[in-house]
């Protein structure tokens, strides 16, 4: 299990959201390999949950996208 989070960040349009705090790091199937990249090292079924709270300073659209090997997932 890997649990990561960030808070009080400004992120530019189109930029990846960096995770700067690792709360739980157990097991060997996943790891935070870069500030905005979590790698899953073993085959299997994974539960991915995302909670977000966004307060844009200006009127803006906010979106999130999950990628697998650089390919956007539905």
C-alpha atoms as a PDB file:
ATOM      1  CA  UNK A   1       0.000   0.000   0.000  1.00  0.00           C
ATOM      2  CA  UNK A   2       1.243   3.440  -0.899  1.00  0.00           C
ATOM      3  CA  UNK A   3      -0.460   6.559   0.397  1.00  0.00           C
ATOM      4  CA  UNK A   4       0.811   9.943  -0.748  1.00  0.00           C
ATOM      5  CA  UNK A   5      -0.496  13.491  -0.642  1.00  0.00           C
ATOM      6  CA  UNK A   6       0.317  17.135  -1.236  1.00  0.00           C
ATOM      7  CA  UNK A   7      -1.216  20.293   0.114  1.00  0.00           C
ATOM      8  CA  UNK A   8      -1.117  24.028  -0.489  1.00  0.00           C
ATOM      9  CA  UNK A   9       0.451  23.835  -3.931  1.00  0.00           C
ATOM     10  CA  UNK A  10       0.162  25.947  -7.042  1.00  0.00           C
ATOM     11  CA  UNK A  11       0.286  23.867 -10.215  1.00  0.00           C
ATOM     12  CA  UNK A  12       0.551  25.363 -13.690  1.00  0.00           C
ATOM     13  CA  UNK A  13      -2.001  24.465 -16.352  1.00  0.00           C
ATOM     14  CA  UNK A  14      -1.173  21.099 -17.918  1.00  0.00           C
ATOM     15  CA  UNK A  15       1.450  20.262 -15.290  1.00  0.00           C
ATOM     16  CA  UNK A  16       1.596  17.056 -13.271  1.00  0.00           C
ATOM     17  CA  UNK A  17       0.553  17.309  -9.639  1.00  0.00           C
ATOM     18  CA  UNK A  18       3.534  16.384  -7.443  1.00  0.00           C
ATOM     19  CA  UNK A  19       3.120  14.206  -4.367  1.00  0.00           C
ATOM     20  CA  UNK A  20       5.470  15.528  -1.709  1.00  0.00           C
ATOM     21  CA  UNK A  21       4.450  13.498   1.346  1.00  0.00           C
ATOM     22  CA  UNK A  22       4.507   9.721   1.713  1.00  0.00           C
ATOM     23  CA  UNK A  23       2.278   8.654   4.610  1.00  0.00           C
ATOM     24  CA  UNK A  24       2.290   4.858   4.226  1.00  0.00           C
ATOM     25  CA  UNK A  25       4.783   2.778   2.258  1.00  0.00           C
ATOM     26  CA  UNK A  26       4.261  -0.987   2.696  1.00  0.00           C
ATOM     27  CA  UNK A  27       4.795  -3.897   0.377  1.00  0.00           C
ATOM     28  CA  UNK A  28       6.834  -4.041  -2.772  1.00  0.00           C
ATOM     29  CA  UNK A  29       4.322  -3.629  -5.600  1.00  0.00           C
ATOM     30  CA  UNK A  30       4.301   0.147  -5.775  1.00  0.00           C
ATOM     31  CA  UNK A  31       6.605   3.088  -5.223  1.00  0.00           C
ATOM     32  CA  UNK A  32       6.804   6.827  -5.687  1.00  0.00           C
ATOM     33  CA  UNK A  33       9.493   7.031  -8.373  1.00  0.00           C
ATOM     34  CA  UNK A  34       9.265  10.754  -9.133  1.00  0.00           C
ATOM     35  CA  UNK A  35       7.363  13.635  -7.553  1.00  0.00           C
ATOM     36  CA  UNK A  36       4.328  13.014  -9.771  1.00  0.00           C
ATOM     37  CA  UNK A  37       4.814   9.349 -10.719  1.00  0.00           C
ATOM     38  CA  UNK A  38       3.758   6.206  -8.892  1.00  0.00           C
ATOM     39  CA  UNK A  39       5.044   2.978 -10.407  1.00  0.00           C
ATOM     40  CA  UNK A  40       3.360  -0.404  -9.977  1.00  0.00           C
ATOM     41  CA  UNK A  41       6.072  -3.060 -10.234  1.00  0.00           C
ATOM     42  CA  UNK A  42       3.999  -6.248 -10.154  1.00  0.00           C
ATOM     43  CA  UNK A  43       1.110  -7.599 -12.185  1.00  0.00           C
ATOM     44  CA  UNK A  44      -2.173  -7.609 -10.357  1.00  0.00           C
ATOM     45  CA  UNK A  45      -5.338  -5.758  -9.620  1.00  0.00           C
ATOM     46  CA  UNK A  46      -4.857  -2.396  -7.934  1.00  0.00           C
ATOM     47  CA  UNK A  47      -7.326  -0.076  -6.281  1.00  0.00           C
ATOM     48  CA  UNK A  48      -6.519   3.544  -7.118  1.00  0.00           C
ATOM     49  CA  UNK A  49      -8.415   6.204  -5.192  1.00  0.00           C
ATOM     50  CA  UNK A  50      -8.059   9.946  -5.562  1.00  0.00           C
ATOM     51  CA  UNK A  51      -9.579  12.628  -3.371  1.00  0.00           C
ATOM     52  CA  UNK A  52      -9.129  16.240  -4.334  1.00  0.00           C
ATOM     53  CA  UNK A  53      -9.985  19.634  -2.979  1.00  0.00           C
ATOM     54  CA  UNK A  54      -9.221  22.478  -5.357  1.00  0.00           C
ATOM     55  CA  UNK A  55      -9.691  26.198  -4.896  1.00  0.00           C
ATOM     56  CA  UNK A  56      -8.652  27.911  -8.120  1.00  0.00           C
ATOM     57  CA  UNK A  57      -7.688  31.560  -7.792  1.00  0.00           C
ATOM     58  CA  UNK A  58      -9.394  32.346 -11.084  1.00  0.00           C
ATOM     59  CA  UNK A  59     -12.255  30.749 -12.966  1.00  0.00           C
ATOM     60  CA  UNK A  60     -10.802  27.574 -14.431  1.00  0.00           C
ATOM     61  CA  UNK A  61     -11.564  24.004 -15.375  1.00  0.00           C
ATOM     62  CA  UNK A  62      -9.882  21.391 -13.226  1.00  0.00           C
ATOM     63  CA  UNK A  63      -9.322  17.831 -14.439  1.00  0.00           C
ATOM     64  CA  UNK A  64      -7.320  14.738 -13.483  1.00  0.00           C
ATOM     65  CA  UNK A  65      -6.076  11.952 -15.711  1.00  0.00           C
ATOM     66  CA  UNK A  66      -4.628   8.514 -14.937  1.00  0.00           C
ATOM     67  CA  UNK A  67      -1.887   7.320 -17.303  1.00  0.00           C
ATOM     68  CA  UNK A  68      -0.488   3.813 -17.774  1.00  0.00           C
ATOM     69  CA  UNK A  69       2.857   3.723 -19.579  1.00  0.00           C
ATOM     70  CA  UNK A  70       2.118   7.178 -20.974  1.00  0.00           C
ATOM     71  CA  UNK A  71      -1.348   6.223 -22.283  1.00  0.00           C
ATOM     72  CA  UNK A  72      -4.373   8.048 -20.875  1.00  0.00           C
ATOM     73  CA  UNK A  73      -6.879   5.686 -19.251  1.00  0.00           C
ATOM     74  CA  UNK A  74     -10.667   6.176 -19.336  1.00  0.00           C
END
